[in-house]
Amino acid sequence: MNKELEDMYIDVIEDNVNVSKTSDFKEFLILVAGFIGILFLIIFIADIFSNVFISTMSDKTQIKIEKLFGTLPKDEMYNEKYKKPYIFLLKTREKIIKNDSSLKAKSTFPIIIVDDKEFNAWVMPNGVINFTTTLLDKNLSDEELAFILAHEIGHYKNRDHLKSISRSIIITLTFQMIAGKNSDLSTITNSMSSMNYLSHSRKQEIEADKYAGKMMYKLYGNNNSGIKLFQQLESMEKVPEMMFYFSTHPSNKHRIKVLQKQKY
């Protein structure tokens, strides 16, 4: 084939709209980027819906939803060994409710001591607050216990559980519709959903810390208790800072900085 004929064929091929001028790899990257962009958009919409809808929801609606989790139990001390911190927590609960009018006429915030090996405290969507025996065995100061209690009430006040439930439902159902039975797509969507959940959870923890910090300032005139608590936890945990990107909670170092910078 002579040079002129070869050049003519090349020109025809390059001008043909049915022939792709981009590489397969580039098209693959564009496709992946578009897919990931759609997933992020879904997560963004779920965040907007959960934050706006749940935050502006009426107290009556909130209480109706909470009743789906069962009737509120009574306070439960577990055994006499924990009588002193238990009574303190009950008294502090009333002080917190008294200092936050938005909590009145909602949950009674039953306090239950649970026999568990984990150093932990958590609040249920209906306001039931659990303290483990291991946490109480650490002989924390009264103010540190008060901070933990206020932190859990802060989760309830911010409706964090309801926000997490609503956004998880939206994201999970939408991702399942997109991925269908495709195992590869399911793996990608599940991974993105999990990482986003962890990030969302860490933000909620920080906001609950801030609420507890403000409440401690109202009750004690300072927030030294929260800082001391996280300093103790930091000394107990020898975990690299980067590992907290895979945790539901921020690093203790970060939480200390947030409380130290907090203005009242």
C-alpha atoms as a PDB file:
ATOM      1  CA  MET A   1       0.000   0.000   0.000  1.00  0.00           C
ATOM      2  CA  ASN A   2       1.502   3.339  -1.030  1.00  0.00           C
ATOM      3  CA  LYS A   3       1.985   6.135   1.457  1.00  0.00           C
ATOM      4  CA  GLU A   4      -0.798   8.364   0.066  1.00  0.00           C
ATOM      5  CA  LEU A   5      -3.397   5.582   0.264  1.00  0.00           C
ATOM      6  CA  GLU A   6      -2.325   4.686   3.810  1.00  0.00           C
ATOM      7  CA  ASP A   7      -2.663   8.306   4.935  1.00  0.00           C
ATOM      8  CA  MET A   8      -6.124   8.499   3.365  1.00  0.00           C
ATOM      9  CA  TYR A   9      -7.341   5.440   5.305  1.00  0.00           C
ATOM     10  CA  ILE A  10      -5.948   6.859   8.550  1.00  0.00           C
ATOM     11  CA  ASP A  11      -7.775  10.156   7.976  1.00  0.00           C
ATOM     12  CA  VAL A  12     -11.050   8.321   7.288  1.00  0.00           C
ATOM     13  CA  ILE A  13     -10.720   6.225  10.475  1.00  0.00           C
ATOM     14  CA  GLU A  14      -9.872   9.249  12.631  1.00  0.00           C
ATOM     15  CA  ASP A  15     -12.852  11.214  11.261  1.00  0.00           C
ATOM     16  CA  ASN A  16     -15.309   8.326  11.782  1.00  0.00           C
ATOM     17  CA  VAL A  17     -17.578   9.158  14.733  1.00  0.00           C
ATOM     18  CA  ASN A  18     -18.152   5.430  15.353  1.00  0.00           C
ATOM     19  CA  VAL A  19     -14.513   4.890  16.210  1.00  0.00           C
ATOM     20  CA  SER A  20     -13.469   5.782  19.762  1.00  0.00           C
ATOM     21  CA  LYS A  21     -10.583   8.216  19.969  1.00  0.00           C
ATOM     22  CA  THR A  22      -9.956   7.476  23.632  1.00  0.00           C
ATOM     23  CA  SER A  23      -8.297   4.447  25.168  1.00  0.00           C
ATOM     24  CA  ASP A  24     -10.252   1.722  26.913  1.00  0.00           C
ATOM     25  CA  PHE A  25      -8.430   2.516  30.155  1.00  0.00           C
ATOM     26  CA  LYS A  26      -9.434   6.186  30.004  1.00  0.00           C
ATOM     27  CA  GLU A  27     -13.061   5.269  29.347  1.00  0.00           C
ATOM     28  CA  PHE A  28     -12.928   2.830  32.276  1.00  0.00           C
ATOM     29  CA  LEU A  29     -11.625   5.575  34.580  1.00  0.00           C
ATOM     30  CA  ILE A  30     -14.382   7.935  33.439  1.00  0.00           C
ATOM     31  CA  LEU A  31     -16.993   5.228  34.082  1.00  0.00           C
ATOM     32  CA  VAL A  32     -15.623   4.467  37.565  1.00  0.00           C
ATOM     33  CA  ALA A  33     -15.391   8.159  38.435  1.00  0.00           C
ATOM     34  CA  GLY A  34     -19.003   8.672  37.358  1.00  0.00           C
ATOM     35  CA  PHE A  35     -20.161   5.676  39.387  1.00  0.00           C
ATOM     36  CA  ILE A  36     -18.334   6.850  42.494  1.00  0.00           C
ATOM     37  CA  GLY A  37     -19.727  10.344  41.964  1.00  0.00           C
ATOM     38  CA  ILE A  38     -23.275   8.929  41.938  1.00  0.00           C
ATOM     39  CA  LEU A  39     -22.591   7.037  45.173  1.00  0.00           C
ATOM     40  CA  PHE A  40     -21.289  10.175  46.870  1.00  0.00           C
ATOM     41  CA  LEU A  41     -24.366  12.067  45.658  1.00  0.00           C
ATOM     42  CA  ILE A  42     -26.605   9.414  47.219  1.00  0.00           C
ATOM     43  CA  ILE A  43     -24.708   9.659  50.513  1.00  0.00           C
ATOM     44  CA  PHE A  44     -24.934  13.468  50.383  1.00  0.00           C
ATOM     45  CA  ILE A  45     -28.700  13.361  49.810  1.00  0.00           C
ATOM     46  CA  ALA A  46     -29.121  10.833  52.646  1.00  0.00           C
ATOM     47  CA  ASP A  47     -27.136  13.132  54.957  1.00  0.00           C
ATOM     48  CA  ILE A  48     -29.264  16.133  54.007  1.00  0.00           C
ATOM     49  CA  PHE A  49     -32.498  14.216  54.503  1.00  0.00           C
ATOM     50  CA  SER A  50     -31.520  12.723  57.860  1.00  0.00           C
ATOM     51  CA  ASN A  51     -30.108  15.965  59.246  1.00  0.00           C
ATOM     52  CA  VAL A  52     -32.900  18.260  58.051  1.00  0.00           C
ATOM     53  CA  PHE A  53     -35.901  15.973  58.431  1.00  0.00           C
ATOM     54  CA  ILE A  54     -34.915  14.403  61.764  1.00  0.00           C
ATOM     55  CA  SER A  55     -33.677  17.703  63.225  1.00  0.00           C
ATOM     56  CA  THR A  56     -36.893  19.561  62.364  1.00  0.00           C
ATOM     57  CA  MET A  57     -39.178  16.690  63.337  1.00  0.00           C
ATOM     58  CA  SER A  58     -41.643  17.587  66.093  1.00  0.00           C
ATOM     59  CA  ASP A  59     -41.152  16.294  69.619  1.00  0.00           C
ATOM     60  CA  LYS A  60     -44.465  14.415  69.376  1.00  0.00           C
ATOM     61  CA  THR A  61     -43.247  12.542  66.309  1.00  0.00           C
ATOM     62  CA  GLN A  62     -39.954  11.788  68.012  1.00  0.00           C
ATOM     63  CA  ILE A  63     -41.724  10.310  71.048  1.00  0.00           C
ATOM     64  CA  LYS A  64     -43.982   8.195  68.791  1.00  0.00           C
ATOM     65  CA  ILE A  65     -40.905   6.756  67.065  1.00  0.00           C
ATOM     66  CA  GLU A  66     -39.205   6.119  70.397  1.00  0.00           C
ATOM     67  CA  LYS A  67     -42.177   4.057  71.573  1.00  0.00           C
ATOM     68  CA  LEU A  68     -41.388   1.590  68.786  1.00  0.00           C
ATOM     69  CA  PHE A  69     -38.304   0.640  70.806  1.00  0.00           C
ATOM     70  CA  GLY A  70     -40.442  -0.449  73.738  1.00  0.00           C
ATOM     71  CA  THR A  71     -41.616   1.116  76.984  1.00  0.00           C
ATOM     72  CA  LEU A  72     -39.039   2.814  79.149  1.00  0.00           C
ATOM     73  CA  PRO A  73     -37.673   0.578  81.914  1.00  0.00           C
ATOM     74  CA  LYS A  74     -37.009   1.683  85.475  1.00  0.00           C
ATOM     75  CA  ASP A  75     -33.599   2.698  86.772  1.00  0.00           C
ATOM     76  CA  GLU A  76     -31.522  -0.366  87.587  1.00  0.00           C
ATOM     77  CA  MET A  77     -28.508  -0.329  89.911  1.00  0.00           C
ATOM     78  CA  TYR A  78     -27.380  -3.965  89.312  1.00  0.00           C
ATOM     79  CA  ASN A  79     -25.974  -4.434  92.851  1.00  0.00           C
ATOM     80  CA  GLU A  80     -25.064  -2.532  96.017  1.00  0.00           C
ATOM     81  CA  LYS A  81     -21.426  -2.244  94.989  1.00  0.00           C
ATOM     82  CA  TYR A  82     -22.339   0.568  92.605  1.00  0.00           C
ATOM     83  CA  LYS A  83     -24.759   2.391  94.852  1.00  0.00           C
ATOM     84  CA  LYS A  84     -22.600   5.515  95.271  1.00  0.00           C
ATOM     85  CA  PRO A  85     -21.916   6.252  91.558  1.00  0.00           C
ATOM     86  CA  TYR A  86     -25.459   5.152  90.723  1.00  0.00           C
ATOM     87  CA  ILE A  87     -27.068   7.678  93.080  1.00  0.00           C
ATOM     88  CA  PHE A  88     -24.698  10.363  91.802  1.00  0.00           C
ATOM     89  CA  LEU A  89     -25.711   9.640  88.207  1.00  0.00           C
ATOM     90  CA  LEU A  90     -29.395   9.877  89.094  1.00  0.00           C
ATOM     91  CA  LYS A  91     -28.899  13.264  90.755  1.00  0.00           C
ATOM     92  CA  THR A  92     -26.754  14.537  87.889  1.00  0.00           C
ATOM     93  CA  ARG A  93     -29.364  13.419  85.360  1.00  0.00           C
ATOM     94  CA  GLU A  94     -31.937  15.656  87.044  1.00  0.00           C
ATOM     95  CA  LYS A  95     -29.499  18.581  87.024  1.00  0.00           C
ATOM     96  CA  ILE A  96     -28.833  18.156  83.319  1.00  0.00           C
ATOM     97  CA  ILE A  97     -32.555  18.017  82.497  1.00  0.00           C
ATOM     98  CA  LYS A  98     -33.112  21.108  84.647  1.00  0.00           C
ATOM     99  CA  ASN A  99     -30.419  22.987  82.716  1.00  0.00           C
ATOM    100  CA  ASP A 100     -31.726  22.000  79.267  1.00  0.00           C
ATOM    101  CA  SER A 101     -35.383  22.826  78.675  1.00  0.00           C
ATOM    102  CA  SER A 102     -35.391  20.928  75.353  1.00  0.00           C
ATOM    103  CA  LEU A 103     -35.097  17.646  77.273  1.00  0.00           C
ATOM    104  CA  LYS A 104     -38.218  18.134  79.374  1.00  0.00           C
ATOM    105  CA  ALA A 105     -41.380  16.169  78.533  1.00  0.00           C
ATOM    106  CA  LYS A 106     -39.312  13.671  76.548  1.00  0.00           C
ATOM    107  CA  SER A 107     -37.469  10.611  77.801  1.00  0.00           C
ATOM    108  CA  THR A 108     -36.988  10.126  81.540  1.00  0.00           C
ATOM    109  CA  PHE A 109     -33.489   8.835  80.707  1.00  0.00           C
ATOM    110  CA  PRO A 110     -33.521   5.642  82.786  1.00  0.00           C
ATOM    111  CA  ILE A 111     -30.016   4.705  83.952  1.00  0.00           C
ATOM    112  CA  ILE A 112     -29.114   1.035  83.868  1.00  0.00           C
ATOM    113  CA  ILE A 113     -25.872  -0.522  85.067  1.00  0.00           C
ATOM    114  CA  VAL A 114     -24.903  -3.482  82.895  1.00  0.00           C
ATOM    115  CA  ASP A 115     -22.524  -6.260  83.872  1.00  0.00           C
ATOM    116  CA  ASP A 116     -20.079  -6.112  80.988  1.00  0.00           C
ATOM    117  CA  LYS A 117     -16.299  -6.370  80.466  1.00  0.00           C
ATOM    118  CA  GLU A 118     -16.218  -3.411  78.081  1.00  0.00           C
ATOM    119  CA  PHE A 119     -15.342   0.089  79.312  1.00  0.00           C
ATOM    120  CA  ASN A 120     -18.405   1.654  77.807  1.00  0.00           C
ATOM    121  CA  ALA A 121     -21.562   3.724  78.129  1.00  0.00           C
ATOM    122  CA  TRP A 122     -24.265   4.179  75.508  1.00  0.00           C
ATOM    123  CA  VAL A 123     -27.728   5.604  75.017  1.00  0.00           C
ATOM    124  CA  MET A 124     -30.634   3.902  73.272  1.00  0.00           C
ATOM    125  CA  PRO A 125     -32.856   5.740  70.755  1.00  0.00           C
ATOM    126  CA  ASN A 126     -35.544   6.080  73.462  1.00  0.00           C
ATOM    127  CA  GLY A 127     -33.140   7.660  75.961  1.00  0.00           C
ATOM    128  CA  VAL A 128     -32.207   4.645  78.085  1.00  0.00           C
ATOM    129  CA  ILE A 129     -28.614   5.157  79.253  1.00  0.00           C
ATOM    130  CA  ASN A 130     -26.378   2.177  79.996  1.00  0.00           C
ATOM    131  CA  PHE A 131     -23.178   2.179  82.051  1.00  0.00           C
ATOM    132  CA  THR A 132     -21.030  -0.941  82.212  1.00  0.00           C
ATOM    133  CA  THR A 133     -19.673  -2.270  85.502  1.00  0.00           C
ATOM    134  CA  THR A 134     -16.163  -2.118  84.016  1.00  0.00           C
ATOM    135  CA  LEU A 135     -16.524   1.627  83.451  1.00  0.00           C
ATOM    136  CA  LEU A 136     -17.700   2.192  87.017  1.00  0.00           C
ATOM    137  CA  ASP A 137     -14.912  -0.026  88.389  1.00  0.00           C
ATOM    138  CA  LYS A 138     -12.334   2.462  87.062  1.00  0.00           C
ATOM    139  CA  ASN A 139     -13.105   4.813  89.983  1.00  0.00           C
ATOM    140  CA  LEU A 140     -13.597   7.847  87.787  1.00  0.00           C
ATOM    141  CA  SER A 141     -14.247  11.172  89.482  1.00  0.00           C
ATOM    142  CA  ASP A 142     -17.796  12.420  89.863  1.00  0.00           C
ATOM    143  CA  GLU A 143     -17.198  15.101  87.257  1.00  0.00           C
ATOM    144  CA  GLU A 144     -15.866  12.550  84.756  1.00  0.00           C
ATOM    145  CA  LEU A 145     -18.961  10.399  85.271  1.00  0.00           C
ATOM    146  CA  ALA A 146     -21.092  13.510  84.815  1.00  0.00           C
ATOM    147  CA  PHE A 147     -19.308  14.260  81.534  1.00  0.00           C
ATOM    148  CA  ILE A 148     -19.980  10.746  80.236  1.00  0.00           C
ATOM    149  CA  LEU A 149     -23.647  11.008  81.225  1.00  0.00           C
ATOM    150  CA  ALA A 150     -23.979  14.401  79.541  1.00  0.00           C
ATOM    151  CA  HIS A 151     -22.244  13.038  76.437  1.00  0.00           C
ATOM    152  CA  GLU A 152     -24.834  10.264  76.105  1.00  0.00           C
ATOM    153  CA  ILE A 153     -27.706  12.684  76.698  1.00  0.00           C
ATOM    154  CA  GLY A 154     -26.110  14.865  74.018  1.00  0.00           C
ATOM    155  CA  HIS A 155     -26.516  12.004  71.519  1.00  0.00           C
ATOM    156  CA  TYR A 156     -30.195  11.841  72.414  1.00  0.00           C
ATOM    157  CA  LYS A 157     -30.669  15.607  72.191  1.00  0.00           C
ATOM    158  CA  ASN A 158     -29.049  15.653  68.738  1.00  0.00           C
ATOM    159  CA  ARG A 159     -31.243  12.688  67.691  1.00  0.00           C
ATOM    160  CA  ASP A 160     -28.109  10.937  66.489  1.00  0.00           C
ATOM    161  CA  HIS A 161     -29.579   7.445  66.572  1.00  0.00           C
ATOM    162  CA  LEU A 162     -32.622   8.435  64.534  1.00  0.00           C
ATOM    163  CA  LYS A 163     -30.402  10.245  62.023  1.00  0.00           C
ATOM    164  CA  SER A 164     -28.139   7.220  61.669  1.00  0.00           C
ATOM    165  CA  ILE A 165     -31.073   4.846  61.225  1.00  0.00           C
ATOM    166  CA  SER A 166     -32.771   6.992  58.559  1.00  0.00           C
ATOM    167  CA  ARG A 167     -29.612   7.598  56.532  1.00  0.00           C
ATOM    168  CA  SER A 168     -28.609   3.932  56.733  1.00  0.00           C
ATOM    169  CA  ILE A 169     -31.989   2.860  55.371  1.00  0.00           C
ATOM    170  CA  ILE A 170     -31.781   5.326  52.461  1.00  0.00           C
ATOM    171  CA  ILE A 171     -28.185   4.451  51.573  1.00  0.00           C
ATOM    172  CA  THR A 172     -28.615   0.688  51.931  1.00  0.00           C
ATOM    173  CA  LEU A 173     -31.795   0.465  49.839  1.00  0.00           C
ATOM    174  CA  THR A 174     -30.434   2.744  47.107  1.00  0.00           C
ATOM    175  CA  PHE A 175     -27.090   0.940  46.921  1.00  0.00           C
ATOM    176  CA  GLN A 176     -28.872  -2.428  46.700  1.00  0.00           C
ATOM    177  CA  MET A 177     -30.969  -1.131  43.805  1.00  0.00           C
ATOM    178  CA  ILE A 178     -27.833   0.017  41.976  1.00  0.00           C
ATOM    179  CA  ALA A 179     -25.680  -3.035  42.662  1.00  0.00           C
ATOM    180  CA  GLY A 180     -28.419  -5.655  42.338  1.00  0.00           C
ATOM    181  CA  LYS A 181     -26.877  -9.114  42.238  1.00  0.00           C
ATOM    182  CA  ASN A 182     -23.505  -7.847  41.006  1.00  0.00           C
ATOM    183  CA  SER A 183     -21.066  -8.959  43.718  1.00  0.00           C
ATOM    184  CA  ASP A 184     -18.298  -6.578  42.589  1.00  0.00           C
ATOM    185  CA  LEU A 185     -20.584  -3.545  42.731  1.00  0.00           C
ATOM    186  CA  SER A 186     -21.970  -4.706  46.082  1.00  0.00           C
ATOM    187  CA  THR A 187     -18.448  -4.877  47.478  1.00  0.00           C
ATOM    188  CA  ILE A 188     -17.681  -1.324  46.324  1.00  0.00           C
ATOM    189  CA  THR A 189     -20.958   0.131  47.601  1.00  0.00           C
ATOM    190  CA  ASN A 190     -20.691  -1.677  50.948  1.00  0.00           C
ATOM    191  CA  SER A 191     -17.130  -0.447  51.436  1.00  0.00           C
ATOM    192  CA  MET A 192     -18.085   3.154  50.669  1.00  0.00           C
ATOM    193  CA  SER A 193     -21.137   2.893  52.907  1.00  0.00           C
ATOM    194  CA  SER A 194     -19.057   1.530  55.806  1.00  0.00           C
ATOM    195  CA  MET A 195     -16.355   4.196  55.527  1.00  0.00           C
ATOM    196  CA  ASN A 196     -18.953   6.956  55.310  1.00  0.00           C
ATOM    197  CA  TYR A 197     -20.761   5.532  58.357  1.00  0.00           C
ATOM    198  CA  LEU A 198     -17.538   5.662  60.382  1.00  0.00           C
ATOM    199  CA  SER A 199     -16.931   9.275  59.383  1.00  0.00           C
ATOM    200  CA  HIS A 200     -20.533  10.191  60.197  1.00  0.00           C
ATOM    201  CA  SER A 201     -20.275   8.479  63.597  1.00  0.00           C
ATOM    202  CA  ARG A 202     -17.057  10.335  64.496  1.00  0.00           C
ATOM    203  CA  LYS A 203     -18.748  13.661  63.763  1.00  0.00           C
ATOM    204  CA  GLN A 204     -21.643  12.724  66.033  1.00  0.00           C
ATOM    205  CA  GLU A 205     -19.213  11.850  68.836  1.00  0.00           C
ATOM    206  CA  ILE A 206     -17.558  15.263  68.568  1.00  0.00           C
ATOM    207  CA  GLU A 207     -20.920  17.047  68.733  1.00  0.00           C
ATOM    208  CA  ALA A 208     -21.890  15.006  71.802  1.00  0.00           C
ATOM    209  CA  ASP A 209     -18.541  15.949  73.386  1.00  0.00           C
ATOM    210  CA  LYS A 210     -19.292  19.619  72.757  1.00  0.00           C
ATOM    211  CA  TYR A 211     -22.722  19.285  74.363  1.00  0.00           C
ATOM    212  CA  ALA A 212     -21.174  17.587  77.393  1.00  0.00           C
ATOM    213  CA  GLY A 213     -18.524  20.300  77.590  1.00  0.00           C
ATOM    214  CA  LYS A 214     -21.148  23.055  77.674  1.00  0.00           C
ATOM    215  CA  MET A 215     -23.181  21.178  80.283  1.00  0.00           C
ATOM    216  CA  MET A 216     -20.133  20.675  82.512  1.00  0.00           C
ATOM    217  CA  TYR A 217     -19.453  24.379  82.303  1.00  0.00           C
ATOM    218  CA  LYS A 218     -23.023  25.040  83.486  1.00  0.00           C
ATOM    219  CA  LEU A 219     -22.756  22.564  86.352  1.00  0.00           C
ATOM    220  CA  TYR A 220     -19.146  23.071  87.471  1.00  0.00           C
ATOM    221  CA  GLY A 221     -17.929  26.271  85.832  1.00  0.00           C
ATOM    222  CA  ASN A 222     -15.280  24.429  83.784  1.00  0.00           C
ATOM    223  CA  ASN A 223     -14.779  21.432  81.515  1.00  0.00           C
ATOM    224  CA  ASN A 224     -11.658  19.949  83.031  1.00  0.00           C
ATOM    225  CA  SER A 225     -13.422  16.618  83.554  1.00  0.00           C
ATOM    226  CA  GLY A 226     -13.818  15.857  79.843  1.00  0.00           C
ATOM    227  CA  ILE A 227     -10.195  16.696  79.094  1.00  0.00           C
ATOM    228  CA  LYS A 228      -8.934  14.593  82.038  1.00  0.00           C
ATOM    229  CA  LEU A 229     -11.101  11.678  80.976  1.00  0.00           C
ATOM    230  CA  PHE A 230      -9.733  11.586  77.435  1.00  0.00           C
ATOM    231  CA  GLN A 231      -6.188  12.081  78.709  1.00  0.00           C
ATOM    232  CA  GLN A 232      -6.606   8.953  80.824  1.00  0.00           C
ATOM    233  CA  LEU A 233      -8.028   7.014  77.901  1.00  0.00           C
ATOM    234  CA  GLU A 234      -5.214   8.201  75.661  1.00  0.00           C
ATOM    235  CA  SER A 235      -2.607   6.913  78.122  1.00  0.00           C
ATOM    236  CA  MET A 236      -4.406   3.548  78.232  1.00  0.00           C
ATOM    237  CA  GLU A 237      -4.653   3.167  74.446  1.00  0.00           C
ATOM    238  CA  LYS A 238      -1.535   2.837  72.336  1.00  0.00           C
ATOM    239  CA  VAL A 239      -3.232   3.088  68.946  1.00  0.00           C
ATOM    240  CA  PRO A 240      -1.701   4.958  65.953  1.00  0.00           C
ATOM    241  CA  GLU A 241      -3.608   8.116  65.076  1.00  0.00           C
ATOM    242  CA  MET A 242      -4.357   6.937  61.546  1.00  0.00           C
ATOM    243  CA  MET A 243      -6.177   3.832  62.829  1.00  0.00           C
ATOM    244  CA  PHE A 244      -9.018   6.011  64.117  1.00  0.00           C
ATOM    245  CA  TYR A 245     -10.069   6.585  60.490  1.00  0.00           C
ATOM    246  CA  PHE A 246     -11.423   3.034  60.750  1.00  0.00           C
ATOM    247  CA  SER A 247     -13.191   3.640  64.061  1.00  0.00           C
ATOM    248  CA  THR A 248     -16.613   4.922  65.080  1.00  0.00           C
ATOM    249  CA  HIS A 249     -14.913   7.268  67.563  1.00  0.00           C
ATOM    250  CA  PRO A 250     -12.337  10.029  66.999  1.00  0.00           C
ATOM    251  CA  SER A 251      -8.914   9.726  68.583  1.00  0.00           C
ATOM    252  CA  ASN A 252      -8.693  10.853  72.202  1.00  0.00           C
ATOM    253  CA  LYS A 253      -6.036  13.364  71.168  1.00  0.00           C
ATOM    254  CA  HIS A 254      -8.454  14.993  68.733  1.00  0.00           C
ATOM    255  CA  ARG A 255     -11.266  15.025  71.286  1.00  0.00           C
ATOM    256  CA  ILE A 256      -8.996  16.740  73.818  1.00  0.00           C
ATOM    257  CA  LYS A 257      -8.123  19.452  71.272  1.00  0.00           C
ATOM    258  CA  VAL A 258     -11.803  20.058  70.508  1.00  0.00           C
ATOM    259  CA  LEU A 259     -12.659  20.513  74.194  1.00  0.00           C
ATOM    260  CA  GLN A 260      -9.637  22.731  74.807  1.00  0.00           C
ATOM    261  CA  LYS A 261     -10.670  25.043  71.963  1.00  0.00           C
ATOM    262  CA  GLN A 262     -14.352  25.085  72.908  1.00  0.00           C
ATOM    263  CA  LYS A 263     -15.726  28.477  73.904  1.00  0.00           C
ATOM    264  CA  TYR A 264     -18.541  28.971  76.420  1.00  0.00           C
END
